[in-house]
Amino acid sequence: QAPGKEREFVAHISYISLPSTTPNYADSVEGRCTISRDNAKNMVYLQM
């Protein structure tokens, strides 16, 4: 959320692995961001 703007989606990662649940990205960050998770550490990351 930028000042004066609405909150916008950036990326999503599921907890199940299916063809329909691969990580997703907003068009504005596609190719520049990577979302990942480490369940053993209860962590989700966003590399930008």
ModelCIF file with pLDDT and N, C-alpha, C, O atoms, coordinates in Angstrom:
data_MODEL
#
_entry.id   MODEL 
#
_entity.id                         1 
_entity.type                       polymer 
_entity.pdbx_number_of_molecules   1 
#
_entity_poly.entity_id                      1 
_entity_poly.type                           'polypeptide(L)' 
_entity_poly.nstd_linkage                   no 
_entity_poly.nstd_monomer                   no 
_entity_poly.pdbx_seq_one_letter_code       QAPGKEREFVAHISYISLPSTTPNYADSVEGRCTISRDNAKNMVYLQM 
_entity_poly.pdbx_seq_one_letter_code_can   QAPGKEREFVAHISYISLPSTTPNYADSVEGRCTISRDNAKNMVYLQM 
_entity_poly.pdbx_strand_id                 A 
#
loop_
_entity_poly_seq.entity_id 
_entity_poly_seq.num 
_entity_poly_seq.mon_id 
_entity_poly_seq.hetero 
1 1  GLN n 
1 2  ALA n 
1 3  PRO n 
1 4  GLY n 
1 5  LYS n 
1 6  GLU n 
1 7  ARG n 
1 8  GLU n 
1 9  PHE n 
1 10 VAL n 
1 11 ALA n 
1 12 HIS n 
1 13 ILE n 
1 14 SER n 
1 15 TYR n 
1 16 ILE n 
1 17 SER n 
1 18 LEU n 
1 19 PRO n 
1 20 SER n 
1 21 THR n 
1 22 THR n 
1 23 PRO n 
1 24 ASN n 
1 25 TYR n 
1 26 ALA n 
1 27 ASP n 
1 28 SER n 
1 29 VAL n 
1 30 GLU n 
1 31 GLY n 
1 32 ARG n 
1 33 CYS n 
1 34 THR n 
1 35 ILE n 
1 36 SER n 
1 37 ARG n 
1 38 ASP n 
1 39 ASN n 
1 40 ALA n 
1 41 LYS n 
1 42 ASN n 
1 43 MET n 
1 44 VAL n 
1 45 TYR n 
1 46 LEU n 
1 47 GLN n 
1 48 MET n 
#
_struct_asym.id          A 
_struct_asym.entity_id   1 
#
loop_
_ma_qa_metric.id 
_ma_qa_metric.mode 
_ma_qa_metric.name 
_ma_qa_metric.software_group_id 
_ma_qa_metric.type 
1 global pLDDT . pLDDT 
2 local  pLDDT . pLDDT 
#
_ma_qa_metric_global.metric_id      1 
_ma_qa_metric_global.metric_value   94.94 
_ma_qa_metric_global.model_id       1 
_ma_qa_metric_global.ordinal_id     1 
#
loop_
_ma_qa_metric_local.label_asym_id 
_ma_qa_metric_local.label_comp_id 
_ma_qa_metric_local.label_seq_id 
_ma_qa_metric_local.metric_id 
_ma_qa_metric_local.metric_value 
_ma_qa_metric_local.model_id 
_ma_qa_metric_local.ordinal_id 
A GLN 1  2 98.00 1 1  
A ALA 2  2 97.00 1 2  
A PRO 3  2 93.00 1 3  
A GLY 4  2 95.00 1 4  
A LYS 5  2 97.00 1 5  
A GLU 6  2 97.00 1 6  
A ARG 7  2 97.00 1 7  
A GLU 8  2 97.00 1 8  
A PHE 9  2 98.00 1 9  
A VAL 10 2 98.00 1 10 
A ALA 11 2 98.00 1 11 
A HIS 12 2 97.00 1 12 
A ILE 13 2 97.00 1 13 
A SER 14 2 96.00 1 14 
A TYR 15 2 94.00 1 15 
A ILE 16 2 91.00 1 16 
A SER 17 2 86.00 1 17 
A LEU 18 2 84.00 1 18 
A PRO 19 2 83.00 1 19 
A SER 20 2 80.00 1 20 
A THR 21 2 84.00 1 21 
A THR 22 2 89.00 1 22 
A PRO 23 2 92.00 1 23 
A ASN 24 2 94.00 1 24 
A TYR 25 2 97.00 1 25 
A ALA 26 2 97.00 1 26 
A ASP 27 2 97.00 1 27 
A SER 28 2 97.00 1 28 
A VAL 29 2 97.00 1 29 
A GLU 30 2 97.00 1 30 
A GLY 31 2 97.00 1 31 
A ARG 32 2 98.00 1 32 
A CYS 33 2 98.00 1 33 
A THR 34 2 98.00 1 34 
A ILE 35 2 97.00 1 35 
A SER 36 2 97.00 1 36 
A ARG 37 2 96.00 1 37 
A ASP 38 2 96.00 1 38 
A ASN 39 2 94.00 1 39 
A ALA 40 2 94.00 1 40 
A LYS 41 2 96.00 1 41 
A ASN 42 2 96.00 1 42 
A MET 43 2 97.00 1 43 
A VAL 44 2 97.00 1 44 
A TYR 45 2 98.00 1 45 
A LEU 46 2 98.00 1 46 
A GLN 47 2 98.00 1 47 
A MET 48 2 98.00 1 48 
#
loop_
_atom_site.group_PDB 
_atom_site.id 
_atom_site.type_symbol 
_atom_site.label_atom_id 
_atom_site.label_alt_id 
_atom_site.label_comp_id 
_atom_site.label_asym_id 
_atom_site.label_entity_id 
_atom_site.label_seq_id 
_atom_site.pdbx_PDB_ins_code 
_atom_site.Cartn_x 
_atom_site.Cartn_y 
_atom_site.Cartn_z 
_atom_site.occupancy 
_atom_site.B_iso_or_equiv 
_atom_site.pdbx_formal_charge 
_atom_site.auth_seq_id 
_atom_site.auth_comp_id 
_atom_site.auth_asym_id 
_atom_site.auth_atom_id 
_atom_site.pdbx_PDB_model_num 
ATOM 1   N N  . GLN A 1 1  ? 0.844  -1.189  0.000   1.00 98.00 ? 1  GLN A N  1 
ATOM 2   C CA . GLN A 1 1  ? 0.000  0.000   0.000   1.00 98.00 ? 1  GLN A CA 1 
ATOM 3   C C  . GLN A 1 1  ? 0.877  1.235   0.000   1.00 98.00 ? 1  GLN A C  1 
ATOM 4   O O  . GLN A 1 1  ? 1.644  1.478   0.932   1.00 98.00 ? 1  GLN A O  1 
ATOM 5   N N  . ALA A 1 2  ? 0.749  2.003   -1.056  1.00 97.00 ? 2  ALA A N  1 
ATOM 6   C CA . ALA A 1 2  ? 1.468  3.264   -1.173  1.00 97.00 ? 2  ALA A CA 1 
ATOM 7   C C  . ALA A 1 2  ? 0.591  4.388   -0.627  1.00 97.00 ? 2  ALA A C  1 
ATOM 8   O O  . ALA A 1 2  ? -0.631 4.244   -0.582  1.00 97.00 ? 2  ALA A O  1 
ATOM 9   N N  . PRO A 1 3  ? 1.187  5.500   -0.215  1.00 93.00 ? 3  PRO A N  1 
ATOM 10  C CA . PRO A 1 3  ? 0.388  6.618   0.333   1.00 93.00 ? 3  PRO A CA 1 
ATOM 11  C C  . PRO A 1 3  ? -0.690 7.057   -0.644  1.00 93.00 ? 3  PRO A C  1 
ATOM 12  O O  . PRO A 1 3  ? -0.422 7.293   -1.822  1.00 93.00 ? 3  PRO A O  1 
ATOM 13  N N  . GLY A 1 4  ? -1.913 7.162   -0.137  1.00 95.00 ? 4  GLY A N  1 
ATOM 14  C CA . GLY A 1 4  ? -3.024 7.630   -0.951  1.00 95.00 ? 4  GLY A CA 1 
ATOM 15  C C  . GLY A 1 4  ? -3.595 6.615   -1.909  1.00 95.00 ? 4  GLY A C  1 
ATOM 16  O O  . GLY A 1 4  ? -4.485 6.932   -2.698  1.00 95.00 ? 4  GLY A O  1 
ATOM 17  N N  . LYS A 1 5  ? -3.093 5.395   -1.849  1.00 97.00 ? 5  LYS A N  1 
ATOM 18  C CA . LYS A 1 5  ? -3.570 4.351   -2.764  1.00 97.00 ? 5  LYS A CA 1 
ATOM 19  C C  . LYS A 1 5  ? -4.156 3.183   -1.990  1.00 97.00 ? 5  LYS A C  1 
ATOM 20  O O  . LYS A 1 5  ? -3.908 3.018   -0.795  1.00 97.00 ? 5  LYS A O  1 
ATOM 21  N N  . GLU A 1 6  ? -4.938 2.378   -2.694  1.00 97.00 ? 6  GLU A N  1 
ATOM 22  C CA . GLU A 1 6  ? -5.515 1.202   -2.066  1.00 97.00 ? 6  GLU A CA 1 
ATOM 23  C C  . GLU A 1 6  ? -4.462 0.101   -1.929  1.00 97.00 ? 6  GLU A C  1 
ATOM 24  O O  . GLU A 1 6  ? -3.455 0.077   -2.637  1.00 97.00 ? 6  GLU A O  1 
ATOM 25  N N  . ARG A 1 7  ? -4.731 -0.799  -1.000  1.00 97.00 ? 7  ARG A N  1 
ATOM 26  C CA . ARG A 1 7  ? -3.845 -1.941  -0.831  1.00 97.00 ? 7  ARG A CA 1 
ATOM 27  C C  . ARG A 1 7  ? -3.966 -2.835  -2.064  1.00 97.00 ? 7  ARG A C  1 
ATOM 28  O O  . ARG A 1 7  ? -5.073 -3.142  -2.506  1.00 97.00 ? 7  ARG A O  1 
ATOM 29  N N  . GLU A 1 8  ? -2.828 -3.250  -2.617  1.00 97.00 ? 8  GLU A N  1 
ATOM 30  C CA . GLU A 1 8  ? -2.850 -4.047  -3.828  1.00 97.00 ? 8  GLU A CA 1 
ATOM 31  C C  . GLU A 1 8  ? -2.085 -5.346  -3.663  1.00 97.00 ? 8  GLU A C  1 
ATOM 32  O O  . GLU A 1 8  ? -1.121 -5.440  -2.903  1.00 97.00 ? 8  GLU A O  1 
ATOM 33  N N  . PHE A 1 9  ? -2.543 -6.333  -4.393  1.00 98.00 ? 9  PHE A N  1 
ATOM 34  C CA . PHE A 1 9  ? -1.940 -7.659  -4.376  1.00 98.00 ? 9  PHE A CA 1 
ATOM 35  C C  . PHE A 1 9  ? -0.570 -7.628  -5.035  1.00 98.00 ? 9  PHE A C  1 
ATOM 36  O O  . PHE A 1 9  ? -0.353 -6.932  -6.027  1.00 98.00 ? 9  PHE A O  1 
ATOM 37  N N  . VAL A 1 10 ? 0.353  -8.400  -4.459  1.00 98.00 ? 10 VAL A N  1 
ATOM 38  C CA . VAL A 1 10 ? 1.690  -8.528  -5.032  1.00 98.00 ? 10 VAL A CA 1 
ATOM 39  C C  . VAL A 1 10 ? 1.986  -9.975  -5.436  1.00 98.00 ? 10 VAL A C  1 
ATOM 40  O O  . VAL A 1 10 ? 2.368  -10.242 -6.576  1.00 98.00 ? 10 VAL A O  1 
ATOM 41  N N  . ALA A 1 11 ? 1.806  -10.909 -4.489  1.00 98.00 ? 11 ALA A N  1 
ATOM 42  C CA . ALA A 1 11 ? 2.151  -12.304 -4.769  1.00 98.00 ? 11 ALA A CA 1 
ATOM 43  C C  . ALA A 1 11 ? 1.402  -13.219 -3.817  1.00 98.00 ? 11 ALA A C  1 
ATOM 44  O O  . ALA A 1 11 ? 0.943  -12.803 -2.752  1.00 98.00 ? 11 ALA A O  1 
ATOM 45  N N  . HIS A 1 12 ? 1.288  -14.484 -4.229  1.00 97.00 ? 12 HIS A N  1 
ATOM 46  C CA . HIS A 1 12 ? 0.545  -15.468 -3.427  1.00 97.00 ? 12 HIS A CA 1 
ATOM 47  C C  . HIS A 1 12 ? 1.245  -16.816 -3.522  1.00 97.00 ? 12 HIS A C  1 
ATOM 48  O O  . HIS A 1 12 ? 1.730  -17.207 -4.583  1.00 97.00 ? 12 HIS A O  1 
ATOM 49  N N  . ILE A 1 13 ? 1.290  -17.520 -2.391  1.00 97.00 ? 13 ILE A N  1 
ATOM 50  C CA . ILE A 1 13 ? 1.818  -18.879 -2.395  1.00 97.00 ? 13 ILE A CA 1 
ATOM 51  C C  . ILE A 1 13 ? 0.885  -19.760 -1.585  1.00 97.00 ? 13 ILE A C  1 
ATOM 52  O O  . ILE A 1 13 ? 0.487  -19.408 -0.474  1.00 97.00 ? 13 ILE A O  1 
ATOM 53  N N  . SER A 1 14 ? 0.544  -20.893 -2.143  1.00 96.00 ? 14 SER A N  1 
ATOM 54  C CA . SER A 1 14 ? -0.368 -21.804 -1.477  1.00 96.00 ? 14 SER A CA 1 
ATOM 55  C C  . SER A 1 14 ? 0.398  -22.727 -0.538  1.00 96.00 ? 14 SER A C  1 
ATOM 56  O O  . SER A 1 14 ? 1.622  -22.659 -0.428  1.00 96.00 ? 14 SER A O  1 
ATOM 57  N N  . TYR A 1 15 ? -0.357 -23.591 0.134   1.00 94.00 ? 15 TYR A N  1 
ATOM 58  C CA . TYR A 1 15 ? 0.280  -24.591 0.986   1.00 94.00 ? 15 TYR A CA 1 
ATOM 59  C C  . TYR A 1 15 ? 0.106  -25.992 0.438   1.00 94.00 ? 15 TYR A C  1 
ATOM 60  O O  . TYR A 1 15 ? 0.573  -26.961 1.037   1.00 94.00 ? 15 TYR A O  1 
ATOM 61  N N  . ILE A 1 16 ? -0.581 -26.106 -0.723  1.00 91.00 ? 16 ILE A N  1 
ATOM 62  C CA . ILE A 1 16 ? -0.683 -27.390 -1.390  1.00 91.00 ? 16 ILE A CA 1 
ATOM 63  C C  . ILE A 1 16 ? -0.140 -27.226 -2.800  1.00 91.00 ? 16 ILE A C  1 
ATOM 64  O O  . ILE A 1 16 ? -0.191 -26.147 -3.391  1.00 91.00 ? 16 ILE A O  1 
ATOM 65  N N  . SER A 1 17 ? 0.378  -28.325 -3.318  1.00 86.00 ? 17 SER A N  1 
ATOM 66  C CA . SER A 1 17 ? 1.025  -28.286 -4.620  1.00 86.00 ? 17 SER A CA 1 
ATOM 67  C C  . SER A 1 17 ? 0.126  -28.929 -5.656  1.00 86.00 ? 17 SER A C  1 
ATOM 68  O O  . SER A 1 17 ? 0.023  -30.153 -5.744  1.00 86.00 ? 17 SER A O  1 
ATOM 69  N N  . LEU A 1 18 ? -0.521 -28.080 -6.441  1.00 84.00 ? 18 LEU A N  1 
ATOM 70  C CA . LEU A 1 18 ? -1.371 -28.518 -7.544  1.00 84.00 ? 18 LEU A CA 1 
ATOM 71  C C  . LEU A 1 18 ? -1.078 -27.615 -8.737  1.00 84.00 ? 18 LEU A C  1 
ATOM 72  O O  . LEU A 1 18 ? -0.528 -26.526 -8.576  1.00 84.00 ? 18 LEU A O  1 
ATOM 73  N N  . PRO A 1 19 ? -1.446 -28.070 -9.939  1.00 83.00 ? 19 PRO A N  1 
ATOM 74  C CA . PRO A 1 19 ? -1.259 -27.172 -11.105 1.00 83.00 ? 19 PRO A CA 1 
ATOM 75  C C  . PRO A 1 19 ? -1.983 -25.843 -10.938 1.00 83.00 ? 19 PRO A C  1 
ATOM 76  O O  . PRO A 1 19 ? -1.556 -24.823 -11.478 1.00 83.00 ? 19 PRO A O  1 
ATOM 77  N N  . SER A 1 20 ? -3.075 -25.861 -10.191 1.00 80.00 ? 20 SER A N  1 
ATOM 78  C CA . SER A 1 20 ? -3.863 -24.637 -10.015 1.00 80.00 ? 20 SER A CA 1 
ATOM 79  C C  . SER A 1 20 ? -3.401 -23.793 -8.839  1.00 80.00 ? 20 SER A C  1 
ATOM 80  O O  . SER A 1 20 ? -3.985 -22.743 -8.573  1.00 80.00 ? 20 SER A O  1 
ATOM 81  N N  . THR A 1 21 ? -2.373 -24.224 -8.135  1.00 84.00 ? 21 THR A N  1 
ATOM 82  C CA . THR A 1 21 ? -1.936 -23.481 -6.942  1.00 84.00 ? 21 THR A CA 1 
ATOM 83  C C  . THR A 1 21 ? -0.472 -23.081 -7.014  1.00 84.00 ? 21 THR A C  1 
ATOM 84  O O  . THR A 1 21 ? 0.168  -22.898 -5.978  1.00 84.00 ? 21 THR A O  1 
ATOM 85  N N  . THR A 1 22 ? 0.061  -22.945 -8.202  1.00 89.00 ? 22 THR A N  1 
ATOM 86  C CA . THR A 1 22 ? 1.435  -22.454 -8.317  1.00 89.00 ? 22 THR A CA 1 
ATOM 87  C C  . THR A 1 22 ? 1.488  -20.992 -7.873  1.00 89.00 ? 22 THR A C  1 
ATOM 88  O O  . THR A 1 22 ? 0.470  -20.302 -7.917  1.00 89.00 ? 22 THR A O  1 
ATOM 89  N N  . PRO A 1 23 ? 2.651  -20.512 -7.449  1.00 92.00 ? 23 PRO A N  1 
ATOM 90  C CA . PRO A 1 23 ? 2.763  -19.107 -7.022  1.00 92.00 ? 23 PRO A CA 1 
ATOM 91  C C  . PRO A 1 23 ? 2.290  -18.139 -8.105  1.00 92.00 ? 23 PRO A C  1 
ATOM 92  O O  . PRO A 1 23 ? 2.492  -18.358 -9.299  1.00 92.00 ? 23 PRO A O  1 
ATOM 93  N N  . ASN A 1 24 ? 1.656  -17.069 -7.647  1.00 94.00 ? 24 ASN A N  1 
ATOM 94  C CA . ASN A 1 24 ? 1.118  -16.078 -8.569  1.00 94.00 ? 24 ASN A CA 1 
ATOM 95  C C  . ASN A 1 24 ? 1.635  -14.697 -8.226  1.00 94.00 ? 24 ASN A C  1 
ATOM 96  O O  . ASN A 1 24 ? 1.962  -14.400 -7.076  1.00 94.00 ? 24 ASN A O  1 
ATOM 97  N N  . TYR A 1 25 ? 1.703  -13.862 -9.246  1.00 97.00 ? 25 TYR A N  1 
ATOM 98  C CA . TYR A 1 25 ? 2.252  -12.529 -9.082  1.00 97.00 ? 25 TYR A CA 1 
ATOM 99  C C  . TYR A 1 25 ? 1.392  -11.502 -9.808  1.00 97.00 ? 25 TYR A C  1 
ATOM 100 O O  . TYR A 1 25 ? 0.764  -11.795 -10.826 1.00 97.00 ? 25 TYR A O  1 
ATOM 101 N N  . ALA A 1 26 ? 1.380  -10.298 -9.260  1.00 97.00 ? 26 ALA A N  1 
ATOM 102 C CA . ALA A 1 26 ? 0.756  -9.195  -9.976  1.00 97.00 ? 26 ALA A CA 1 
ATOM 103 C C  . ALA A 1 26 ? 1.572  -8.892  -11.233 1.00 97.00 ? 26 ALA A C  1 
ATOM 104 O O  . ALA A 1 26 ? 2.786  -9.098  -11.261 1.00 97.00 ? 26 ALA A O  1 
ATOM 105 N N  . ASP A 1 27 ? 0.908  -8.412  -12.248 1.00 97.00 ? 27 ASP A N  1 
ATOM 106 C CA . ASP A 1 27 ? 1.597  -8.079  -13.496 1.00 97.00 ? 27 ASP A CA 1 
ATOM 107 C C  . ASP A 1 27 ? 2.730  -7.080  -13.258 1.00 97.00 ? 27 ASP A C  1 
ATOM 108 O O  . ASP A 1 27 ? 3.760  -7.122  -13.932 1.00 97.00 ? 27 ASP A O  1 
ATOM 109 N N  . SER A 1 28 ? 2.529  -6.194  -12.304 1.00 97.00 ? 28 SER A N  1 
ATOM 110 C CA . SER A 1 28 ? 3.500  -5.128  -12.054 1.00 97.00 ? 28 SER A CA 1 
ATOM 111 C C  . SER A 1 28 ? 4.822  -5.643  -11.486 1.00 97.00 ? 28 SER A C  1 
ATOM 112 O O  . SER A 1 28 ? 5.835  -4.946  -11.551 1.00 97.00 ? 28 SER A O  1 
ATOM 113 N N  . VAL A 1 29 ? 4.821  -6.853  -10.931 1.00 97.00 ? 29 VAL A N  1 
ATOM 114 C CA . VAL A 1 29 ? 6.047  -7.398  -10.333 1.00 97.00 ? 29 VAL A CA 1 
ATOM 115 C C  . VAL A 1 29 ? 6.481  -8.702  -10.989 1.00 97.00 ? 29 VAL A C  1 
ATOM 116 O O  . VAL A 1 29 ? 7.540  -9.234  -10.654 1.00 97.00 ? 29 VAL A O  1 
ATOM 117 N N  . GLU A 1 30 ? 5.690  -9.223  -11.911 1.00 97.00 ? 30 GLU A N  1 
ATOM 118 C CA . GLU A 1 30 ? 6.008  -10.481 -12.585 1.00 97.00 ? 30 GLU A CA 1 
ATOM 119 C C  . GLU A 1 30 ? 7.397  -10.400 -13.209 1.00 97.00 ? 30 GLU A C  1 
ATOM 120 O O  . GLU A 1 30 ? 7.725  -9.446  -13.915 1.00 97.00 ? 30 GLU A O  1 
ATOM 121 N N  . GLY A 1 31 ? 8.201  -11.417 -12.936 1.00 97.00 ? 31 GLY A N  1 
ATOM 122 C CA . GLY A 1 31 ? 9.564  -11.448 -13.468 1.00 97.00 ? 31 GLY A CA 1 
ATOM 123 C C  . GLY A 1 31 ? 10.587 -10.752 -12.599 1.00 97.00 ? 31 GLY A C  1 
ATOM 124 O O  . GLY A 1 31 ? 11.790 -10.911 -12.806 1.00 97.00 ? 31 GLY A O  1 
ATOM 125 N N  . ARG A 1 32 ? 10.124 -9.978  -11.624 1.00 98.00 ? 32 ARG A N  1 
ATOM 126 C CA . ARG A 1 32 ? 11.043 -9.264  -10.735 1.00 98.00 ? 32 ARG A CA 1 
ATOM 127 C C  . ARG A 1 32 ? 10.964 -9.767  -9.302  1.00 98.00 ? 32 ARG A C  1 
ATOM 128 O O  . ARG A 1 32 ? 11.856 -9.496  -8.498  1.00 98.00 ? 32 ARG A O  1 
ATOM 129 N N  . CYS A 1 33 ? 9.903  -10.498 -8.978  1.00 98.00 ? 33 CYS A N  1 
ATOM 130 C CA . CYS A 1 33 ? 9.698  -10.970 -7.614  1.00 98.00 ? 33 CYS A CA 1 
ATOM 131 C C  . CYS A 1 33 ? 9.553  -12.487 -7.587  1.00 98.00 ? 33 CYS A C  1 
ATOM 132 O O  . CYS A 1 33 ? 9.070  -13.105 -8.536  1.00 98.00 ? 33 CYS A O  1 
ATOM 133 N N  . THR A 1 34 ? 9.984  -13.063 -6.476  1.00 98.00 ? 34 THR A N  1 
ATOM 134 C CA . THR A 1 34 ? 9.816  -14.497 -6.254  1.00 98.00 ? 34 THR A CA 1 
ATOM 135 C C  . THR A 1 34 ? 9.335  -14.711 -4.837  1.00 98.00 ? 34 THR A C  1 
ATOM 136 O O  . THR A 1 34 ? 9.950  -14.241 -3.880  1.00 98.00 ? 34 THR A O  1 
ATOM 137 N N  . ILE A 1 35 ? 8.220  -15.428 -4.710  1.00 97.00 ? 35 ILE A N  1 
ATOM 138 C CA . ILE A 1 35 ? 7.693  -15.761 -3.391  1.00 97.00 ? 35 ILE A CA 1 
ATOM 139 C C  . ILE A 1 35 ? 8.051  -17.209 -3.091  1.00 97.00 ? 35 ILE A C  1 
ATOM 140 O O  . ILE A 1 35 ? 7.999  -18.066 -3.974  1.00 97.00 ? 35 ILE A O  1 
ATOM 141 N N  . SER A 1 36 ? 8.410  -17.474 -1.854  1.00 97.00 ? 36 SER A N  1 
ATOM 142 C CA . SER A 1 36 ? 8.761  -18.827 -1.451  1.00 97.00 ? 36 SER A CA 1 
ATOM 143 C C  . SER A 1 36 ? 8.413  -19.001 0.016   1.00 97.00 ? 36 SER A C  1 
ATOM 144 O O  . SER A 1 36 ? 8.142  -18.029 0.720   1.00 97.00 ? 36 SER A O  1 
ATOM 145 N N  . ARG A 1 37 ? 8.423  -20.254 0.472   1.00 96.00 ? 37 ARG A N  1 
ATOM 146 C CA . ARG A 1 37 ? 8.113  -20.504 1.880   1.00 96.00 ? 37 ARG A CA 1 
ATOM 147 C C  . ARG A 1 37 ? 8.956  -21.633 2.419   1.00 96.00 ? 37 ARG A C  1 
ATOM 148 O O  . ARG A 1 37 ? 9.405  -22.515 1.686   1.00 96.00 ? 37 ARG A O  1 
ATOM 149 N N  . ASP A 1 38 ? 9.160  -21.582 3.732   1.00 96.00 ? 38 ASP A N  1 
ATOM 150 C CA . ASP A 1 38 ? 9.856  -22.635 4.465   1.00 96.00 ? 38 ASP A CA 1 
ATOM 151 C C  . ASP A 1 38 ? 8.967  -22.984 5.644   1.00 96.00 ? 38 ASP A C  1 
ATOM 152 O O  . ASP A 1 38 ? 9.004  -22.306 6.670   1.00 96.00 ? 38 ASP A O  1 
ATOM 153 N N  . ASN A 1 39 ? 8.174  -24.027 5.508   1.00 94.00 ? 39 ASN A N  1 
ATOM 154 C CA . ASN A 1 39 ? 7.207  -24.363 6.557   1.00 94.00 ? 39 ASN A CA 1 
ATOM 155 C C  . ASN A 1 39 ? 7.886  -24.802 7.848   1.00 94.00 ? 39 ASN A C  1 
ATOM 156 O O  . ASN A 1 39 ? 7.330  -24.620 8.932   1.00 94.00 ? 39 ASN A O  1 
ATOM 157 N N  . ALA A 1 40 ? 9.071  -25.371 7.746   1.00 94.00 ? 40 ALA A N  1 
ATOM 158 C CA . ALA A 1 40 ? 9.785  -25.801 8.949   1.00 94.00 ? 40 ALA A CA 1 
ATOM 159 C C  . ALA A 1 40 ? 10.138 -24.601 9.829   1.00 94.00 ? 40 ALA A C  1 
ATOM 160 O O  . ALA A 1 40 ? 10.266 -24.728 11.046  1.00 94.00 ? 40 ALA A O  1 
ATOM 161 N N  . LYS A 1 41 ? 10.290 -23.448 9.202   1.00 96.00 ? 41 LYS A N  1 
ATOM 162 C CA . LYS A 1 41 ? 10.634 -22.225 9.934   1.00 96.00 ? 41 LYS A CA 1 
ATOM 163 C C  . LYS A 1 41 ? 9.448  -21.275 10.068  1.00 96.00 ? 41 LYS A C  1 
ATOM 164 O O  . LYS A 1 41 ? 9.583  -20.187 10.628  1.00 96.00 ? 41 LYS A O  1 
ATOM 165 N N  . ASN A 1 42 ? 8.278  -21.684 9.554   1.00 96.00 ? 42 ASN A N  1 
ATOM 166 C CA . ASN A 1 42 ? 7.091  -20.817 9.564   1.00 96.00 ? 42 ASN A CA 1 
ATOM 167 C C  . ASN A 1 42 ? 7.367  -19.493 8.850   1.00 96.00 ? 42 ASN A C  1 
ATOM 168 O O  . ASN A 1 42 ? 6.945  -18.432 9.310   1.00 96.00 ? 42 ASN A O  1 
ATOM 169 N N  . MET A 1 43 ? 8.064  -19.564 7.745   1.00 97.00 ? 43 MET A N  1 
ATOM 170 C CA . MET A 1 43 ? 8.488  -18.363 7.046   1.00 97.00 ? 43 MET A CA 1 
ATOM 171 C C  . MET A 1 43 ? 7.976  -18.337 5.611   1.00 97.00 ? 43 MET A C  1 
ATOM 172 O O  . MET A 1 43 ? 7.870  -19.370 4.951   1.00 97.00 ? 43 MET A O  1 
ATOM 173 N N  . VAL A 1 44 ? 7.661  -17.136 5.149   1.00 97.00 ? 44 VAL A N  1 
ATOM 174 C CA . VAL A 1 44 ? 7.405  -16.868 3.738   1.00 97.00 ? 44 VAL A CA 1 
ATOM 175 C C  . VAL A 1 44 ? 8.287  -15.695 3.347   1.00 97.00 ? 44 VAL A C  1 
ATOM 176 O O  . VAL A 1 44 ? 8.444  -14.735 4.102   1.00 97.00 ? 44 VAL A O  1 
ATOM 177 N N  . TYR A 1 45 ? 8.858  -15.790 2.156   1.00 98.00 ? 45 TYR A N  1 
ATOM 178 C CA . TYR A 1 45 ? 9.798  -14.771 1.697   1.00 98.00 ? 45 TYR A CA 1 
ATOM 179 C C  . TYR A 1 45 ? 9.285  -14.128 0.394   1.00 98.00 ? 45 TYR A C  1 
ATOM 180 O O  . TYR A 1 45 ? 8.551  -14.740 -0.382  1.00 98.00 ? 45 TYR A O  1 
ATOM 181 N N  . LEU A 1 46 ? 9.696  -12.892 0.194   1.00 98.00 ? 46 LEU A N  1 
ATOM 182 C CA . LEU A 1 46 ? 9.437  -12.218 -1.071  1.00 98.00 ? 46 LEU A CA 1 
ATOM 183 C C  . LEU A 1 46 ? 10.751 -11.578 -1.510  1.00 98.00 ? 46 LEU A C  1 
ATOM 184 O O  . LEU A 1 46 ? 11.189 -10.573 -0.951  1.00 98.00 ? 46 LEU A O  1 
ATOM 185 N N  . GLN A 1 47 ? 11.362 -12.178 -2.514  1.00 98.00 ? 47 GLN A N  1 
ATOM 186 C CA . GLN A 1 47 ? 12.590 -11.626 -3.087  1.00 98.00 ? 47 GLN A CA 1 
ATOM 187 C C  . GLN A 1 47 ? 12.198 -10.643 -4.182  1.00 98.00 ? 47 GLN A C  1 
ATOM 188 O O  . GLN A 1 47 ? 11.478 -10.994 -5.116  1.00 98.00 ? 47 GLN A O  1 
ATOM 189 N N  . MET A 1 48 ? 12.672 -9.425  -4.059  1.00 98.00 ? 48 MET A N  1 
ATOM 190 C CA . MET A 1 48 ? 12.323 -8.390  -5.030  1.00 98.00 ? 48 MET A CA 1 
ATOM 191 C C  . MET A 1 48 ? 13.595 -7.868  -5.684  1.00 98.00 ? 48 MET A C  1 
ATOM 192 O O  . MET A 1 48 ? 13.532 -6.985  -6.539  1.00 98.00 ? 48 MET A O  1 
#
